[in-house]
Amino acid sequence: MPELPEVEVTRLSFADRIAGARIEGVAIGKPLRWPLGCTGSDLAGRQVRGVRRRGKYLLLDLDRGLLLIHLGMSGSLAFAPELPPAGRHDHFDLRTSQGLLRLHDPRRFGAVVYAESEQSPVAAKLLGHLGMEPLSEAFDLAQFRAGLRSRRMAIKQVLLAGDVVVGVGNIYACEALFLAGIRPTVRADRLTGPRVARLHAAIRQVLARAVVRGGSTLRDFSNAHGDSGEFQQEATVYGRAGAPCRVCASPIGVMRQGQRSTFFCRNCQRF
């Protein structure tokens, strides 16, 4: 699943090129996770003001309303002056005066949803429960500490939940916990202040590095230029079960938490 770094990399790869474009038409393929919420003709003539990100959602701000785009489990966006005819897994085309934006989504868990504003019920339902943005100044250490103190779940599960801090998916939760030296199973409310501070810094560091490296491509992720990510090549624990830890040389372990694989080092993450 594309996580926050992959969504941010996608945004950066086309935001400047589509800004100021006028929508000329919309083509919709097979149904996605949620309906668009308007007709294609309703969007024709509107202008794209810019592209933002909230968690794993891309927000295309229009001169009237906005489009919320989620890449689901396997989706990716392409943006180019021209693209080949839509294939069987291409389910949404937004033709603009500056190029064609296409959502490719083999599993159809993604979505494109229209909202009148970010405060409208449909947008609030999708965005209202999201936690702090980890790559922004809004990621406040004191608020992060308070959020963790109220949770009696394993810290890995709290990070994945997304209501304390948003967008720290499975890959980057594993990597941040390793960097902070925190055992994935420790209860969030039992983390001391210094350990919370280390985790706060580690989340920022890991996600920022992943964006620089173009995200992670484990199967078929690519940005709007068609470029794959490279962060997985330098992962310290994720996907490295049985391999020697890059710090202590102990074998990397793996366990199941909430139906997800958690990768960790038993020696470096004792507490």
C-alpha atoms as a PDB file:
ATOM      1  CA  MET A   1       0.000   0.000   0.000  1.00  0.00           C
ATOM      2  CA  PRO A   2       1.369   3.462  -0.823  1.00  0.00           C
ATOM      3  CA  GLU A   3       2.172   5.124   2.496  1.00  0.00           C
ATOM      4  CA  LEU A   4       2.694   8.793   3.358  1.00  0.00           C
ATOM      5  CA  PRO A   5       6.128   9.144   1.685  1.00  0.00           C
ATOM      6  CA  GLU A   6       4.843   7.592  -1.549  1.00  0.00           C
ATOM      7  CA  VAL A   7       1.812   9.893  -1.555  1.00  0.00           C
ATOM      8  CA  GLU A   8       4.014  12.929  -0.910  1.00  0.00           C
ATOM      9  CA  VAL A   9       6.436  11.850  -3.651  1.00  0.00           C
ATOM     10  CA  THR A  10       3.469  11.496  -5.998  1.00  0.00           C
ATOM     11  CA  ARG A  11       2.259  14.988  -5.085  1.00  0.00           C
ATOM     12  CA  LEU A  12       5.676  16.524  -5.693  1.00  0.00           C
ATOM     13  CA  SER A  13       5.934  14.804  -9.073  1.00  0.00           C
ATOM     14  CA  PHE A  14       2.949  16.582 -10.635  1.00  0.00           C
ATOM     15  CA  ALA A  15       1.708  19.410  -8.374  1.00  0.00           C
ATOM     16  CA  ASP A  16       3.640  22.179 -10.131  1.00  0.00           C
ATOM     17  CA  ARG A  17       2.707  20.890 -13.570  1.00  0.00           C
ATOM     18  CA  ILE A  18      -1.043  20.752 -12.984  1.00  0.00           C
ATOM     19  CA  ALA A  19      -1.381  23.978 -10.990  1.00  0.00           C
ATOM     20  CA  GLY A  20      -3.423  26.514 -12.951  1.00  0.00           C
ATOM     21  CA  ALA A  21      -4.823  23.919 -15.376  1.00  0.00           C
ATOM     22  CA  ARG A  22      -8.440  24.054 -16.471  1.00  0.00           C
ATOM     23  CA  ILE A  23     -10.444  20.819 -16.381  1.00  0.00           C
ATOM     24  CA  GLU A  24     -11.677  19.839 -19.845  1.00  0.00           C
ATOM     25  CA  GLY A  25     -13.327  16.512 -19.077  1.00  0.00           C
ATOM     26  CA  VAL A  26     -13.529  13.396 -16.918  1.00  0.00           C
ATOM     27  CA  ALA A  27     -13.608   9.717 -17.916  1.00  0.00           C
ATOM     28  CA  ILE A  28     -14.577   7.121 -15.305  1.00  0.00           C
ATOM     29  CA  GLY A  29     -13.924   3.386 -15.634  1.00  0.00           C
ATOM     30  CA  LYS A  30     -15.019   0.664 -13.230  1.00  0.00           C
ATOM     31  CA  PRO A  31     -16.369   1.760  -9.833  1.00  0.00           C
ATOM     32  CA  LEU A  32     -13.774   2.577  -7.200  1.00  0.00           C
ATOM     33  CA  ARG A  33     -14.036   2.354  -3.413  1.00  0.00           C
ATOM     34  CA  TRP A  34     -16.333   5.388  -3.158  1.00  0.00           C
ATOM     35  CA  PRO A  35     -18.347   7.228  -5.819  1.00  0.00           C
ATOM     36  CA  LEU A  36     -17.086  10.497  -7.272  1.00  0.00           C
ATOM     37  CA  GLY A  37     -20.060  12.381  -5.873  1.00  0.00           C
ATOM     38  CA  CYS A  38     -20.705  14.509  -8.959  1.00  0.00           C
ATOM     39  CA  THR A  39     -20.776  14.119 -12.736  1.00  0.00           C
ATOM     40  CA  GLY A  40     -17.825  14.712 -14.980  1.00  0.00           C
ATOM     41  CA  SER A  41     -19.642  17.594 -16.634  1.00  0.00           C
ATOM     42  CA  ASP A  42     -19.934  19.293 -13.213  1.00  0.00           C
ATOM     43  CA  LEU A  43     -16.124  19.565 -13.097  1.00  0.00           C
ATOM     44  CA  ALA A  44     -15.596  20.780 -16.657  1.00  0.00           C
ATOM     45  CA  GLY A  45     -14.329  24.349 -16.764  1.00  0.00           C
ATOM     46  CA  ARG A  46     -13.058  24.425 -13.195  1.00  0.00           C
ATOM     47  CA  GLN A  47      -9.467  25.381 -12.493  1.00  0.00           C
ATOM     48  CA  VAL A  48      -6.926  23.437 -10.451  1.00  0.00           C
ATOM     49  CA  ARG A  49      -5.472  25.865  -7.907  1.00  0.00           C
ATOM     50  CA  GLY A  50      -2.946  23.456  -6.395  1.00  0.00           C
ATOM     51  CA  VAL A  51      -2.315  20.044  -4.839  1.00  0.00           C
ATOM     52  CA  ARG A  52      -1.982  19.410  -1.097  1.00  0.00           C
ATOM     53  CA  ARG A  53      -1.668  16.267   1.000  1.00  0.00           C
ATOM     54  CA  ARG A  54      -3.444  15.266   4.210  1.00  0.00           C
ATOM     55  CA  GLY A  55      -2.170  11.941   5.499  1.00  0.00           C
ATOM     56  CA  LYS A  56      -2.475   9.525   2.577  1.00  0.00           C
ATOM     57  CA  TYR A  57      -5.007  11.715   0.724  1.00  0.00           C
ATOM     58  CA  LEU A  58      -4.123  14.070  -2.098  1.00  0.00           C
ATOM     59  CA  LEU A  59      -6.290  17.176  -2.215  1.00  0.00           C
ATOM     60  CA  LEU A  60      -6.716  18.883  -5.569  1.00  0.00           C
ATOM     61  CA  ASP A  61      -7.956  22.358  -4.725  1.00  0.00           C
ATOM     62  CA  LEU A  62     -10.263  23.741  -7.413  1.00  0.00           C
ATOM     63  CA  ASP A  63     -11.609  27.246  -7.845  1.00  0.00           C
ATOM     64  CA  ARG A  64     -14.878  25.686  -6.624  1.00  0.00           C
ATOM     65  CA  GLY A  65     -14.572  22.650  -4.379  1.00  0.00           C
ATOM     66  CA  LEU A  66     -11.838  20.021  -4.261  1.00  0.00           C
ATOM     67  CA  LEU A  67     -11.066  16.447  -5.275  1.00  0.00           C
ATOM     68  CA  LEU A  68      -9.815  13.988  -2.648  1.00  0.00           C
ATOM     69  CA  ILE A  69      -7.690  11.203  -4.126  1.00  0.00           C
ATOM     70  CA  HIS A  70      -6.706   8.037  -2.266  1.00  0.00           C
ATOM     71  CA  LEU A  71      -4.387   5.491  -3.885  1.00  0.00           C
ATOM     72  CA  GLY A  72      -5.808   2.532  -1.974  1.00  0.00           C
ATOM     73  CA  MET A  73      -3.772  -0.673  -1.856  1.00  0.00           C
ATOM     74  CA  SER A  74      -2.121  -0.581  -5.260  1.00  0.00           C
ATOM     75  CA  GLY A  75      -2.990   2.689  -6.971  1.00  0.00           C
ATOM     76  CA  SER A  76      -0.696   5.168  -8.682  1.00  0.00           C
ATOM     77  CA  LEU A  77      -1.119   8.409 -10.585  1.00  0.00           C
ATOM     78  CA  ALA A  78       0.340   9.401 -13.933  1.00  0.00           C
ATOM     79  CA  PHE A  79       0.341  12.905 -15.358  1.00  0.00           C
ATOM     80  CA  ALA A  80       1.534  13.730 -18.865  1.00  0.00           C
ATOM     81  CA  PRO A  81       0.518  15.821 -21.886  1.00  0.00           C
ATOM     82  CA  GLU A  82      -0.735  12.588 -23.473  1.00  0.00           C
ATOM     83  CA  LEU A  83      -1.136   9.032 -22.220  1.00  0.00           C
ATOM     84  CA  PRO A  84      -2.003   5.771 -24.048  1.00  0.00           C
ATOM     85  CA  PRO A  85      -5.684   4.776 -24.232  1.00  0.00           C
ATOM     86  CA  ALA A  86      -7.010   3.732 -20.813  1.00  0.00           C
ATOM     87  CA  GLY A  87      -6.340   0.093 -19.961  1.00  0.00           C
ATOM     88  CA  ARG A  88      -8.359  -2.347 -17.855  1.00  0.00           C
ATOM     89  CA  HIS A  89      -6.918  -1.017 -14.593  1.00  0.00           C
ATOM     90  CA  ASP A  90      -7.203   2.685 -15.436  1.00  0.00           C
ATOM     91  CA  HIS A  91     -10.351   3.907 -13.694  1.00  0.00           C
ATOM     92  CA  PHE A  92     -10.228   7.702 -13.608  1.00  0.00           C
ATOM     93  CA  ASP A  93      -8.950  10.223 -16.163  1.00  0.00           C
ATOM     94  CA  LEU A  94      -8.961  13.951 -15.483  1.00  0.00           C
ATOM     95  CA  ARG A  95      -8.198  15.744 -18.736  1.00  0.00           C
ATOM     96  CA  THR A  96      -6.906  19.257 -18.247  1.00  0.00           C
ATOM     97  CA  SER A  97      -5.474  22.032 -20.380  1.00  0.00           C
ATOM     98  CA  GLN A  98      -1.996  21.054 -19.134  1.00  0.00           C
ATOM     99  CA  GLY A  99      -2.176  17.279 -19.353  1.00  0.00           C
ATOM    100  CA  LEU A 100      -4.013  14.099 -18.406  1.00  0.00           C
ATOM    101  CA  LEU A 101      -4.101  12.916 -14.786  1.00  0.00           C
ATOM    102  CA  ARG A 102      -4.844   9.178 -14.587  1.00  0.00           C
ATOM    103  CA  LEU A 103      -5.492   6.868 -11.637  1.00  0.00           C
ATOM    104  CA  HIS A 104      -4.238   3.326 -12.254  1.00  0.00           C
ATOM    105  CA  ASP A 105      -5.592   0.948  -9.604  1.00  0.00           C
ATOM    106  CA  PRO A 106      -5.607  -2.833 -10.236  1.00  0.00           C
ATOM    107  CA  ARG A 107      -7.370  -3.662  -6.963  1.00  0.00           C
ATOM    108  CA  ARG A 108      -9.814  -0.721  -7.044  1.00  0.00           C
ATOM    109  CA  PHE A 109      -9.449   0.170  -3.354  1.00  0.00           C
ATOM    110  CA  GLY A 110      -8.551   3.733  -4.287  1.00  0.00           C
ATOM    111  CA  ALA A 111     -10.985   6.577  -4.812  1.00  0.00           C
ATOM    112  CA  VAL A 112     -11.547  10.037  -6.222  1.00  0.00           C
ATOM    113  CA  VAL A 113     -14.198  11.986  -4.288  1.00  0.00           C
ATOM    114  CA  TYR A 114     -15.550  15.469  -4.907  1.00  0.00           C
ATOM    115  CA  ALA A 115     -16.334  17.759  -1.956  1.00  0.00           C
ATOM    116  CA  GLU A 116     -17.711  21.294  -1.920  1.00  0.00           C
ATOM    117  CA  SER A 117     -15.141  22.230   0.732  1.00  0.00           C
ATOM    118  CA  GLU A 118     -12.813  20.641   3.265  1.00  0.00           C
ATOM    119  CA  GLN A 119     -15.503  21.280   5.896  1.00  0.00           C
ATOM    120  CA  SER A 120     -18.288  19.514   3.986  1.00  0.00           C
ATOM    121  CA  PRO A 121     -19.605  16.233   5.458  1.00  0.00           C
ATOM    122  CA  VAL A 122     -17.973  13.995   2.839  1.00  0.00           C
ATOM    123  CA  ALA A 123     -14.533  15.559   3.382  1.00  0.00           C
ATOM    124  CA  ALA A 124     -14.921  15.643   7.159  1.00  0.00           C
ATOM    125  CA  LYS A 125     -15.804  11.939   7.168  1.00  0.00           C
ATOM    126  CA  LEU A 126     -12.566  11.078   5.362  1.00  0.00           C
ATOM    127  CA  LEU A 127     -10.202  13.581   6.974  1.00  0.00           C
ATOM    128  CA  GLY A 128     -11.714  14.477  10.332  1.00  0.00           C
ATOM    129  CA  HIS A 129     -10.241  11.566  12.312  1.00  0.00           C
ATOM    130  CA  LEU A 130      -6.666  11.969  11.074  1.00  0.00           C
ATOM    131  CA  GLY A 131      -3.880  12.734  13.548  1.00  0.00           C
ATOM    132  CA  MET A 132      -0.994  15.179  13.349  1.00  0.00           C
ATOM    133  CA  GLU A 133       1.012  15.568  10.144  1.00  0.00           C
ATOM    134  CA  PRO A 134       4.481  14.172  10.951  1.00  0.00           C
ATOM    135  CA  LEU A 135       6.328  16.197   8.301  1.00  0.00           C
ATOM    136  CA  SER A 136       4.856  19.536   9.360  1.00  0.00           C
ATOM    137  CA  GLU A 137       5.324  21.935  12.251  1.00  0.00           C
ATOM    138  CA  ALA A 138       1.963  20.656  13.525  1.00  0.00           C
ATOM    139  CA  PHE A 139       3.730  17.499  14.766  1.00  0.00           C
ATOM    140  CA  ASP A 140       4.043  18.778  18.321  1.00  0.00           C
ATOM    141  CA  LEU A 141       6.075  16.714  20.792  1.00  0.00           C
ATOM    142  CA  ALA A 142       3.899  17.546  23.797  1.00  0.00           C
ATOM    143  CA  GLN A 143       0.723  16.646  21.931  1.00  0.00           C
ATOM    144  CA  PHE A 144       2.349  13.445  20.664  1.00  0.00           C
ATOM    145  CA  ARG A 145       3.297  12.499  24.223  1.00  0.00           C
ATOM    146  CA  ALA A 146      -0.231  13.211  25.459  1.00  0.00           C
ATOM    147  CA  GLY A 147      -1.729  11.112  22.673  1.00  0.00           C
ATOM    148  CA  LEU A 148       0.462   8.131  23.519  1.00  0.00           C
ATOM    149  CA  ARG A 149      -0.283   8.395  27.245  1.00  0.00           C
ATOM    150  CA  SER A 150      -3.975   7.897  26.505  1.00  0.00           C
ATOM    151  CA  ARG A 151      -3.438   4.665  24.574  1.00  0.00           C
ATOM    152  CA  ARG A 152      -3.035   1.266  26.229  1.00  0.00           C
ATOM    153  CA  MET A 153      -2.183  -0.549  22.983  1.00  0.00           C
ATOM    154  CA  ALA A 154       1.189  -1.681  21.638  1.00  0.00           C
ATOM    155  CA  ILE A 155       3.071   1.316  20.249  1.00  0.00           C
ATOM    156  CA  LYS A 156       3.291  -0.210  16.766  1.00  0.00           C
ATOM    157  CA  GLN A 157      -0.504  -0.512  16.617  1.00  0.00           C
ATOM    158  CA  VAL A 158      -0.973   3.059  17.846  1.00  0.00           C
ATOM    159  CA  LEU A 159       1.279   4.369  15.078  1.00  0.00           C
ATOM    160  CA  LEU A 160      -0.656   2.422  12.447  1.00  0.00           C
ATOM    161  CA  ALA A 161      -4.026   3.638  13.746  1.00  0.00           C
ATOM    162  CA  GLY A 162      -3.318   7.141  12.444  1.00  0.00           C
ATOM    163  CA  ASP A 163      -5.343   9.105  14.993  1.00  0.00           C
ATOM    164  CA  VAL A 164      -2.335  10.292  17.020  1.00  0.00           C
ATOM    165  CA  VAL A 165       0.038  10.815  14.103  1.00  0.00           C
ATOM    166  CA  VAL A 166      -1.102  10.198  10.544  1.00  0.00           C
ATOM    167  CA  GLY A 167       0.559   8.309   7.722  1.00  0.00           C
ATOM    168  CA  VAL A 168       3.102   6.180   9.600  1.00  0.00           C
ATOM    169  CA  GLY A 169       2.309   2.921   7.826  1.00  0.00           C
ATOM    170  CA  ASN A 170       3.814  -0.502   8.396  1.00  0.00           C
ATOM    171  CA  ILE A 171       7.170   0.019   6.665  1.00  0.00           C
ATOM    172  CA  TYR A 172       7.956   3.300   8.351  1.00  0.00           C
ATOM    173  CA  ALA A 173       6.596   2.306  11.776  1.00  0.00           C
ATOM    174  CA  CYS A 174       9.039  -0.610  11.806  1.00  0.00           C
ATOM    175  CA  GLU A 175      11.897   1.626  10.717  1.00  0.00           C
ATOM    176  CA  ALA A 176      11.119   4.447  13.171  1.00  0.00           C
ATOM    177  CA  LEU A 177      10.775   2.085  16.136  1.00  0.00           C
ATOM    178  CA  PHE A 178      14.132   0.532  15.292  1.00  0.00           C
ATOM    179  CA  LEU A 179      15.802   3.923  14.997  1.00  0.00           C
ATOM    180  CA  ALA A 180      14.322   4.949  18.358  1.00  0.00           C
ATOM    181  CA  GLY A 181      15.339   1.639  19.988  1.00  0.00           C
ATOM    182  CA  ILE A 182      11.773   0.853  21.064  1.00  0.00           C
ATOM    183  CA  ARG A 183      10.256  -2.623  21.189  1.00  0.00           C
ATOM    184  CA  PRO A 184       7.154  -2.735  18.919  1.00  0.00           C
ATOM    185  CA  THR A 185       5.071  -4.512  21.563  1.00  0.00           C
ATOM    186  CA  VAL A 186       5.602  -2.060  24.435  1.00  0.00           C
ATOM    187  CA  ARG A 187       2.429  -0.278  25.498  1.00  0.00           C
ATOM    188  CA  ALA A 188       2.253   3.302  24.248  1.00  0.00           C
ATOM    189  CA  ASP A 189       1.227   4.695  27.637  1.00  0.00           C
ATOM    190  CA  ARG A 190       4.346   3.188  29.261  1.00  0.00           C
ATOM    191  CA  LEU A 191       6.868   5.055  27.129  1.00  0.00           C
ATOM    192  CA  THR A 192       8.934   7.528  29.126  1.00  0.00           C
ATOM    193  CA  GLY A 193       9.353  11.135  28.036  1.00  0.00           C
ATOM    194  CA  PRO A 194      12.872  10.632  26.604  1.00  0.00           C
ATOM    195  CA  ARG A 195      11.753   7.573  24.635  1.00  0.00           C
ATOM    196  CA  VAL A 196       8.749   9.449  23.222  1.00  0.00           C
ATOM    197  CA  ALA A 197      11.121  12.237  22.172  1.00  0.00           C
ATOM    198  CA  ARG A 198      13.387   9.720  20.406  1.00  0.00           C
ATOM    199  CA  LEU A 199      10.408   8.214  18.607  1.00  0.00           C
ATOM    200  CA  HIS A 200       9.108  11.655  17.609  1.00  0.00           C
ATOM    201  CA  ALA A 201      12.483  12.505  16.053  1.00  0.00           C
ATOM    202  CA  ALA A 202      12.797   9.061  14.445  1.00  0.00           C
ATOM    203  CA  ILE A 203       9.405   9.348  12.725  1.00  0.00           C
ATOM    204  CA  ARG A 204      10.397  12.682  11.220  1.00  0.00           C
ATOM    205  CA  GLN A 205      13.807  11.382  10.156  1.00  0.00           C
ATOM    206  CA  VAL A 206      12.571   8.151   8.578  1.00  0.00           C
ATOM    207  CA  LEU A 207       9.691   9.744   6.657  1.00  0.00           C
ATOM    208  CA  ALA A 208      11.801  12.654   5.418  1.00  0.00           C
ATOM    209  CA  ARG A 209      14.509  10.257   4.219  1.00  0.00           C
ATOM    210  CA  ALA A 210      11.899   8.120   2.448  1.00  0.00           C
ATOM    211  CA  VAL A 211      10.599  11.155   0.566  1.00  0.00           C
ATOM    212  CA  VAL A 212      14.149  12.023  -0.538  1.00  0.00           C
ATOM    213  CA  ARG A 213      14.587   8.451  -1.788  1.00  0.00           C
ATOM    214  CA  GLY A 214      11.344   8.551  -3.749  1.00  0.00           C
ATOM    215  CA  GLY A 215       9.387   6.325  -1.366  1.00  0.00           C
ATOM    216  CA  SER A 216       9.433   2.521  -1.314  1.00  0.00           C
ATOM    217  CA  THR A 217       8.594   0.312  -4.281  1.00  0.00           C
ATOM    218  CA  LEU A 218       7.835  -3.178  -2.999  1.00  0.00           C
ATOM    219  CA  ARG A 219       5.602  -4.204  -5.894  1.00  0.00           C
ATOM    220  CA  ASP A 220       4.576  -1.614  -8.449  1.00  0.00           C
ATOM    221  CA  PHE A 221       4.559   1.875  -6.900  1.00  0.00           C
ATOM    222  CA  SER A 222       5.723   4.709  -9.155  1.00  0.00           C
ATOM    223  CA  ASN A 223       5.281   8.467  -9.044  1.00  0.00           C
ATOM    224  CA  ALA A 224       3.468  10.553 -11.656  1.00  0.00           C
ATOM    225  CA  HIS A 225       6.596  10.496 -13.840  1.00  0.00           C
ATOM    226  CA  GLY A 226       6.669   6.679 -13.717  1.00  0.00           C
ATOM    227  CA  ASP A 227       9.762   6.580 -11.458  1.00  0.00           C
ATOM    228  CA  SER A 228      10.091   3.885  -8.767  1.00  0.00           C
ATOM    229  CA  GLY A 229      11.139   4.513  -5.165  1.00  0.00           C
ATOM    230  CA  GLU A 230      14.441   3.380  -3.656  1.00  0.00           C
ATOM    231  CA  PHE A 231      14.020   3.629   0.129  1.00  0.00           C
ATOM    232  CA  GLN A 232      13.512  -0.132   0.460  1.00  0.00           C
ATOM    233  CA  GLN A 233      17.141  -0.614  -0.574  1.00  0.00           C
ATOM    234  CA  GLU A 234      18.353   0.980   2.653  1.00  0.00           C
ATOM    235  CA  ALA A 235      15.703  -0.321   5.080  1.00  0.00           C
ATOM    236  CA  THR A 236      17.243  -1.336   8.390  1.00  0.00           C
ATOM    237  CA  VAL A 237      14.656  -3.924   9.467  1.00  0.00           C
ATOM    238  CA  TYR A 238      11.609  -3.999   7.180  1.00  0.00           C
ATOM    239  CA  GLY A 239      11.614  -7.039   4.888  1.00  0.00           C
ATOM    240  CA  ARG A 240      14.937  -8.294   6.331  1.00  0.00           C
ATOM    241  CA  ALA A 241      13.808 -11.209   8.517  1.00  0.00           C
ATOM    242  CA  GLY A 242      16.801 -13.451   9.305  1.00  0.00           C
ATOM    243  CA  ALA A 243      19.327 -10.996   7.875  1.00  0.00           C
ATOM    244  CA  PRO A 244      21.978  -9.524  10.210  1.00  0.00           C
ATOM    245  CA  CYS A 245      21.090  -6.271  11.938  1.00  0.00           C
ATOM    246  CA  ARG A 246      23.023  -3.394  10.395  1.00  0.00           C
ATOM    247  CA  VAL A 247      23.962  -2.220  13.905  1.00  0.00           C
ATOM    248  CA  CYS A 248      24.621  -5.335  16.042  1.00  0.00           C
ATOM    249  CA  ALA A 249      24.610  -8.189  13.476  1.00  0.00           C
ATOM    250  CA  SER A 250      21.878 -10.122  15.348  1.00  0.00           C
ATOM    251  CA  PRO A 251      19.274 -11.763  13.072  1.00  0.00           C
ATOM    252  CA  ILE A 252      16.311  -9.516  12.327  1.00  0.00           C
ATOM    253  CA  GLY A 253      13.127 -10.975  13.777  1.00  0.00           C
ATOM    254  CA  VAL A 254       9.578 -10.908  12.467  1.00  0.00           C
ATOM    255  CA  MET A 255       6.224 -11.313  14.229  1.00  0.00           C
ATOM    256  CA  ARG A 256       2.559 -10.670  13.505  1.00  0.00           C
ATOM    257  CA  GLN A 257       0.788  -7.661  15.008  1.00  0.00           C
ATOM    258  CA  GLY A 258      -2.750  -6.881  13.948  1.00  0.00           C
ATOM    259  CA  GLN A 259      -2.416  -9.029  10.794  1.00  0.00           C
ATOM    260  CA  ARG A 260       0.725  -7.132   9.767  1.00  0.00           C
ATOM    261  CA  SER A 261       4.329  -8.317   9.783  1.00  0.00           C
ATOM    262  CA  THR A 262       6.517  -6.435  12.257  1.00  0.00           C
ATOM    263  CA  PHE A 263      10.268  -6.502  11.667  1.00  0.00           C
ATOM    264  CA  PHE A 264      12.593  -5.703  14.578  1.00  0.00           C
ATOM    265  CA  CYS A 265      15.931  -6.386  16.224  1.00  0.00           C
ATOM    266  CA  ARG A 266      15.699  -8.257  19.541  1.00  0.00           C
ATOM    267  CA  ASN A 267      19.012  -6.804  20.683  1.00  0.00           C
ATOM    268  CA  CYS A 268      18.650  -3.152  19.618  1.00  0.00           C
ATOM    269  CA  GLN A 269      14.965  -2.891  20.594  1.00  0.00           C
ATOM    270  CA  ARG A 270      14.902  -4.413  24.064  1.00  0.00           C
ATOM    271  CA  PHE A 271      12.730  -1.838  25.800  1.00  0.00           C
END
